[in-house]
PDB file of N, CA and C in Angstrom:
ATOM      1  N   ILE A   1       0.884  -1.295  -0.103  1.00  0.00           N
ATOM      2  CA  ILE A   1      -0.111   0.149  -0.351  1.00  0.00           C
ATOM      3  C   ILE A   1       1.342   1.265   0.102  1.00  0.00           C
ATOM      4  N   ARG A   2       1.975   1.448   0.664  1.00  0.00           N
ATOM      5  CA  ARG A   2       2.655   2.272   0.843  1.00  0.00           C
ATOM      6  C   ARG A   2       3.149   2.406   0.085  1.00  0.00           C
ATOM      7  N   HIS A   3       4.052   1.545  -1.053  1.00  0.00           N
ATOM      8  CA  HIS A   3       4.343   1.691  -2.354  1.00  0.00           C
ATOM      9  C   HIS A   3       3.349   2.385  -3.389  1.00  0.00           C
ATOM     10  N   LEU A   4       2.656   1.514  -3.550  1.00  0.00           N
ATOM     11  CA  LEU A   4       1.185   2.458  -4.798  1.00  0.00           C
ATOM     12  C   LEU A   4       0.900   3.818  -4.103  1.00  0.00           C
ATOM     13  N   GLY A   5       1.105   4.305  -2.899  1.00  0.00           N
ATOM     14  CA  GLY A   5       0.934   5.487  -2.357  1.00  0.00           C
ATOM     15  C   GLY A   5       2.502   6.370  -3.053  1.00  0.00           C
ATOM     16  N   LYS A   6       3.366   6.105  -3.105  1.00  0.00           N
ATOM     17  CA  LYS A   6       4.467   6.454  -3.434  1.00  0.00           C
ATOM     18  C   LYS A   6       4.744   7.096  -5.356  1.00  0.00           C
ATOM     19  N   LEU A   7       4.160   5.604  -5.591  1.00  0.00           N
ATOM     20  CA  LEU A   7       3.807   5.870  -7.728  1.00  0.00           C
ATOM     21  C   LEU A   7       2.621   6.971  -7.377  1.00  0.00           C
ATOM     22  N   TYR A   8       1.386   6.661  -6.933  1.00  0.00           N
ATOM     23  CA  TYR A   8       0.616   8.170  -7.388  1.00  0.00           C
ATOM     24  C   TYR A   8       1.304   9.239  -6.688  1.00  0.00           C
ATOM     25  N   LYS A   9       2.311   9.352  -6.187  1.00  0.00           N
ATOM     26  CA  LYS A   9       2.436  10.851  -6.206  1.00  0.00           C
ATOM     27  C   LYS A   9       3.877  10.964  -6.822  1.00  0.00           C
ATOM     28  N   LYS A  10       4.722   9.866  -7.152  1.00  0.00           N
ATOM     29  CA  LYS A  10       5.650  10.396  -8.417  1.00  0.00           C
ATOM     30  C   LYS A  10       4.683  10.073  -9.995  1.00  0.00           C
ATOM     31  N   GLY A  11       3.848   9.481  -9.976  1.00  0.00           N
ATOM     32  CA  GLY A  11       2.566  10.142 -11.346  1.00  0.00           C
ATOM     33  C   GLY A  11       1.900  11.173 -10.933  1.00  0.00           C
ATOM     34  N   ASN A  12       2.251  12.324 -10.111  1.00  0.00           N
ATOM     35  CA  ASN A  12       1.590  13.897  -9.887  1.00  0.00           C
ATOM     36  C   ASN A  12       0.463  13.565  -9.803  1.00  0.00           C
ATOM     37  N   ILE A  13      -0.280  12.751  -8.969  1.00  0.00           N
ATOM     38  CA  ILE A  13      -1.291  12.493  -8.602  1.00  0.00           C
ATOM     39  C   ILE A  13      -1.162  13.343  -7.253  1.00  0.00           C
ATOM     40  N   GLN A  14      -2.365  14.067  -7.232  1.00  0.00           N
ATOM     41  CA  GLN A  14      -2.559  14.973  -6.056  1.00  0.00           C
ATOM     42  C   GLN A  14      -3.531  14.161  -4.906  1.00  0.00           C
ATOM     43  N   HIS A  15      -3.208  15.268  -3.832  1.00  0.00           N
ATOM     44  CA  HIS A  15      -3.930  14.076  -2.419  1.00  0.00           C
ATOM     45  C   HIS A  15      -3.713  13.047  -2.223  1.00  0.00           C
ATOM     46  N   ILE A  16      -3.094  12.638  -2.014  1.00  0.00           N
ATOM     47  CA  ILE A  16      -2.635  11.584  -1.202  1.00  0.00           C
ATOM     48  C   ILE A  16      -2.055  11.413  -0.367  1.00  0.00           C
ATOM     49  N   THR A  17      -2.570  10.566   0.511  1.00  0.00           N
ATOM     50  CA  THR A  17      -2.016  10.348   1.634  1.00  0.00           C
ATOM     51  C   THR A  17      -2.556   8.754   1.881  1.00  0.00           C
ATOM     52  N   VAL A  18      -1.491   7.864   2.693  1.00  0.00           N
ATOM     53  CA  VAL A  18      -1.681   6.528   2.947  1.00  0.00           C
ATOM     54  C   VAL A  18      -1.508   6.457   4.641  1.00  0.00           C
ATOM     55  N   HIS A  19      -3.006   5.512   4.824  1.00  0.00           N
ATOM     56  CA  HIS A  19      -2.972   5.734   6.553  1.00  0.00           C
ATOM     57  C   HIS A  19      -3.398   3.899   6.337  1.00  0.00           C
ATOM     58  N   LEU A  20      -2.553   3.693   7.416  1.00  0.00           N
ATOM     59  CA  LEU A  20      -3.102   2.180   7.134  1.00  0.00           C
ATOM     60  C   LEU A  20      -3.439   1.994   9.044  1.00  0.00           C
ATOM     61  N   TYR A  21      -4.242   1.407   9.186  1.00  0.00           N
ATOM     62  CA  TYR A  21      -4.936   0.829  10.318  1.00  0.00           C
ATOM     63  C   TYR A  21      -4.630  -0.383  11.078  1.00  0.00           C
ATOM     64  N   LYS A  22      -4.168   0.039  12.420  1.00  0.00           N
ATOM     65  CA  LYS A  22      -3.352  -1.660  12.819  1.00  0.00           C
ATOM     66  C   LYS A  22      -4.338  -2.369  13.284  1.00  0.00           C
ATOM     67  N   ASN A  23      -4.467  -3.576  13.110  1.00  0.00           N
ATOM     68  CA  ASN A  23      -5.460  -4.854  13.207  1.00  0.00           C
ATOM     69  C   ASN A  23      -6.686  -4.544  12.192  1.00  0.00           C
ATOM     70  N   LYS A  24      -6.863  -3.922  11.518  1.00  0.00           N
ATOM     71  CA  LYS A  24      -7.820  -3.775  10.444  1.00  0.00           C
ATOM     72  C   LYS A  24      -7.496  -4.691   9.021  1.00  0.00           C
ATOM     73  N   ARG A  25      -8.452  -5.126   8.141  1.00  0.00           N
ATOM     74  CA  ARG A  25      -8.339  -5.452   6.911  1.00  0.00           C
ATOM     75  C   ARG A  25      -8.834  -5.097   5.956  1.00  0.00           C
ATOM     76  N   HIS A  26      -9.264  -5.445   5.394  1.00  0.00           N
ATOM     77  CA  HIS A  26      -9.540  -5.191   3.834  1.00  0.00           C
ATOM     78  C   HIS A  26     -10.869  -4.215   3.826  1.00  0.00           C
ATOM     79  N   GLU A  27     -11.740  -4.204   5.044  1.00  0.00           N
ATOM     80  CA  GLU A  27     -13.035  -3.817   5.241  1.00  0.00           C
ATOM     81  C   GLU A  27     -13.655  -2.698   6.116  1.00  0.00           C
ATOM     82  N   VAL A  28     -12.359  -1.854   6.402  1.00  0.00           N
ATOM     83  CA  VAL A  28     -11.810  -1.420   7.159  1.00  0.00           C
ATOM     84  C   VAL A  28     -13.090  -0.289   7.368  1.00  0.00           C
ATOM     85  N   LEU A  29     -13.955   0.222   6.444  1.00  0.00           N
ATOM     86  CA  LEU A  29     -14.915   0.624   6.345  1.00  0.00           C
ATOM     87  C   LEU A  29     -16.177   0.046   6.931  1.00  0.00           C
ATOM     88  N   PHE A  30     -16.281  -1.118   7.574  1.00  0.00           N
ATOM     89  CA  PHE A  30     -17.473  -1.841   8.143  1.00  0.00           C
ATOM     90  C   PHE A  30     -17.098  -2.759   9.008  1.00  0.00           C
ATOM     91  N   GLU A  31     -15.369  -2.732   9.566  1.00  0.00           N
ATOM     92  CA  GLU A  31     -15.054  -3.173  10.651  1.00  0.00           C
ATOM     93  C   GLU A  31     -16.204  -3.059  12.033  1.00  0.00           C
ATOM     94  N   LYS A  32     -15.312  -3.196  12.846  1.00  0.00           N
ATOM     95  CA  LYS A  32     -15.703  -2.793  15.053  1.00  0.00           C
ATOM     96  C   LYS A  32     -14.644  -1.818  14.404  1.00  0.00           C
ATOM     97  N   ASP A  33     -15.600  -0.789  14.819  1.00  0.00           N
ATOM     98  CA  ASP A  33     -14.960   0.729  15.547  1.00  0.00           C
ATOM     99  C   ASP A  33     -14.885   1.427  14.084  1.00  0.00           C
ATOM    100  N   ALA A  34     -15.626   1.362  12.957  1.00  0.00           N
ATOM    101  CA  ALA A  34     -15.497   1.724  12.058  1.00  0.00           C
ATOM    102  C   ALA A  34     -15.779   3.540  11.902  1.00  0.00           C
ATOM    103  N   THR A  35     -16.281   3.639  13.164  1.00  0.00           N
ATOM    104  CA  THR A  35     -17.043   5.009  13.524  1.00  0.00           C
ATOM    105  C   THR A  35     -15.098   5.826  13.198  1.00  0.00           C
ATOM    106  N   THR A  36     -14.249   5.534  13.775  1.00  0.00           N
ATOM    107  CA  THR A  36     -12.894   5.992  13.751  1.00  0.00           C
ATOM    108  C   THR A  36     -12.583   6.472  12.468  1.00  0.00           C
ATOM    109  N   THR A  37     -12.657   5.064  11.456  1.00  0.00           N
ATOM    110  CA  THR A  37     -12.314   5.506  10.385  1.00  0.00           C
ATOM    111  C   THR A  37     -12.834   6.204   9.108  1.00  0.00           C
ATOM    112  N   TRP A  38     -13.746   6.240   9.725  1.00  0.00           N
ATOM    113  CA  TRP A  38     -15.202   7.270   8.852  1.00  0.00           C
ATOM    114  C   TRP A  38     -14.709   9.011   9.216  1.00  0.00           C
ATOM    115  N   GLN A  39     -14.388   9.267  10.081  1.00  0.00           N
ATOM    116  CA  GLN A  39     -14.535  10.417  10.875  1.00  0.00           C
ATOM    117  C   GLN A  39     -12.868  10.431  10.709  1.00  0.00           C
ATOM    118  N   HIS A  40     -11.596  10.023  10.040  1.00  0.00           N
ATOM    119  CA  HIS A  40     -10.886  10.342   9.983  1.00  0.00           C
ATOM    120  C   HIS A  40     -10.732  10.914   8.363  1.00  0.00           C
ATOM    121  N   MET A  41     -11.602   9.441   7.615  1.00  0.00           N
ATOM    122  CA  MET A  41     -11.688  10.141   6.167  1.00  0.00           C
ATOM    123  C   MET A  41     -12.337  11.363   6.205  1.00  0.00           C
ATOM    124  N   TYR A  42     -13.173  11.987   6.869  1.00  0.00           N
ATOM    125  CA  TYR A  42     -14.035  13.097   6.638  1.00  0.00           C
ATOM    126  C   TYR A  42     -13.122  14.455   7.143  1.00  0.00           C
ATOM    127  N   ASP A  43     -12.154  14.067   8.457  1.00  0.00           N
ATOM    128  CA  ASP A  43     -11.519  14.984   8.346  1.00  0.00           C
ATOM    129  C   ASP A  43     -10.456  15.462   7.571  1.00  0.00           C
ATOM    130  N   TRP A  44     -10.037  14.570   6.580  1.00  0.00           N
ATOM    131  CA  TRP A  44      -8.783  14.309   5.769  1.00  0.00           C
ATOM    132  C   TRP A  44      -9.552  15.080   4.433  1.00  0.00           C
ATOM    133  N   ILE A  45     -10.670  14.834   4.134  1.00  0.00           N
ATOM    134  CA  ILE A  45     -11.474  15.870   3.442  1.00  0.00           C
ATOM    135  C   ILE A  45     -11.616  17.106   3.571  1.00  0.00           C
ATOM    136  N   GLU A  46     -12.159  17.790   4.625  1.00  0.00           N
ATOM    137  CA  GLU A  46     -12.423  18.835   5.150  1.00  0.00           C
ATOM    138  C   GLU A  46     -10.977  19.584   5.394  1.00  0.00           C
ATOM    139  N   ARG A  47      -9.729  19.198   5.858  1.00  0.00           N
ATOM    140  CA  ARG A  47      -8.783  19.526   5.789  1.00  0.00           C
ATOM    141  C   ARG A  47      -8.203  20.002   3.761  1.00  0.00           C
ATOM    142  N   GLN A  48      -8.933  18.989   3.022  1.00  0.00           N
ATOM    143  CA  GLN A  48      -8.395  18.810   1.788  1.00  0.00           C
ATOM    144  C   GLN A  48      -9.022  20.418   0.849  1.00  0.00           C
ATOM    145  N   ILE A  49     -10.101  20.554   1.707  1.00  0.00           N
ATOM    146  CA  ILE A  49     -10.898  21.295   0.946  1.00  0.00           C
ATOM    147  C   ILE A  49     -10.651  22.844   2.018  1.00  0.00           C
ATOM    148  N   LEU A  50     -10.723  22.366   2.819  1.00  0.00           N
ATOM    149  CA  LEU A  50      -9.814  24.191   3.486  1.00  0.00           C
ATOM    150  C   LEU A  50      -8.806  24.207   2.831  1.00  0.00           C
ATOM    151  N   LYS A  51      -7.596  23.582   2.408  1.00  0.00           N
ATOM    152  CA  LYS A  51      -6.573  23.977   1.932  1.00  0.00           C
ATOM    153  C   LYS A  51      -7.122  24.975   0.461  1.00  0.00           C
ATOM    154  N   LYS A  52      -7.740  23.958  -0.522  1.00  0.00           N
ATOM    155  CA  LYS A  52      -7.896  24.971  -1.701  1.00  0.00           C
ATOM    156  C   LYS A  52      -8.656  26.204  -1.571  1.00  0.00           C
ATOM    157  N   TYR A  53      -9.333  26.229  -0.763  1.00  0.00           N
ATOM    158  CA  TYR A  53     -10.330  27.574  -0.331  1.00  0.00           C
ATOM    159  C   TYR A  53      -9.050  28.419   0.118  1.00  0.00           C
ATOM    160  N   ASN A  54      -7.969  28.426   1.149  1.00  0.00           N
ATOM    161  CA  ASN A  54      -7.219  28.653   1.465  1.00  0.00           C
ATOM    162  C   ASN A  54      -6.019  29.434   0.485  1.00  0.00           C
ATOM    163  N   ARG A  55      -5.795  28.374  -0.337  1.00  0.00           N
ATOM    164  CA  ARG A  55      -5.159  28.755  -1.504  1.00  0.00           C
ATOM    165  C   ARG A  55      -5.938  30.169  -2.196  1.00  0.00           C
ATOM    166  N   ALA A  56      -7.072  29.690  -2.606  1.00  0.00           N
ATOM    167  CA  ALA A  56      -7.920  30.754  -3.093  1.00  0.00           C
ATOM    168  C   ALA A  56      -7.900  32.371  -2.631  1.00  0.00           C
ATOM    169  N   ASP A  57      -7.797  32.073  -1.385  1.00  0.00           N
ATOM    170  CA  ASP A  57      -8.251  33.538  -1.273  1.00  0.00           C
ATOM    171  C   ASP A  57      -7.168  33.896  -1.196  1.00  0.00           C
ATOM    172  N   LYS A  58      -5.994  33.263  -1.026  1.00  0.00           N
ATOM    173  CA  LYS A  58      -4.508  34.373  -1.300  1.00  0.00           C
ATOM    174  C   LYS A  58      -4.024  34.477  -2.662  1.00  0.00           C
ATOM    175  N   ALA A  59      -4.750  34.378  -3.247  1.00  0.00           N
ATOM    176  CA  ALA A  59      -4.768  34.692  -5.010  1.00  0.00           C
ATOM    177  C   ALA A  59      -5.086  35.685  -5.034  1.00  0.00           C
TER     178      ALA A  59
END
């Protein structure tokens, strides 16, 4: 997974963050304590949006 993230970054794909969850498998959105995963994704999306608008304000 980390290697894939690096490939995306080298390919100039923006907005890539690799986050591995300890003791989670392929169904991280539906496993026990999925709320934490969903919250983490929500926070990440919110940060990306804020970055975009902060850049626009400075232009």
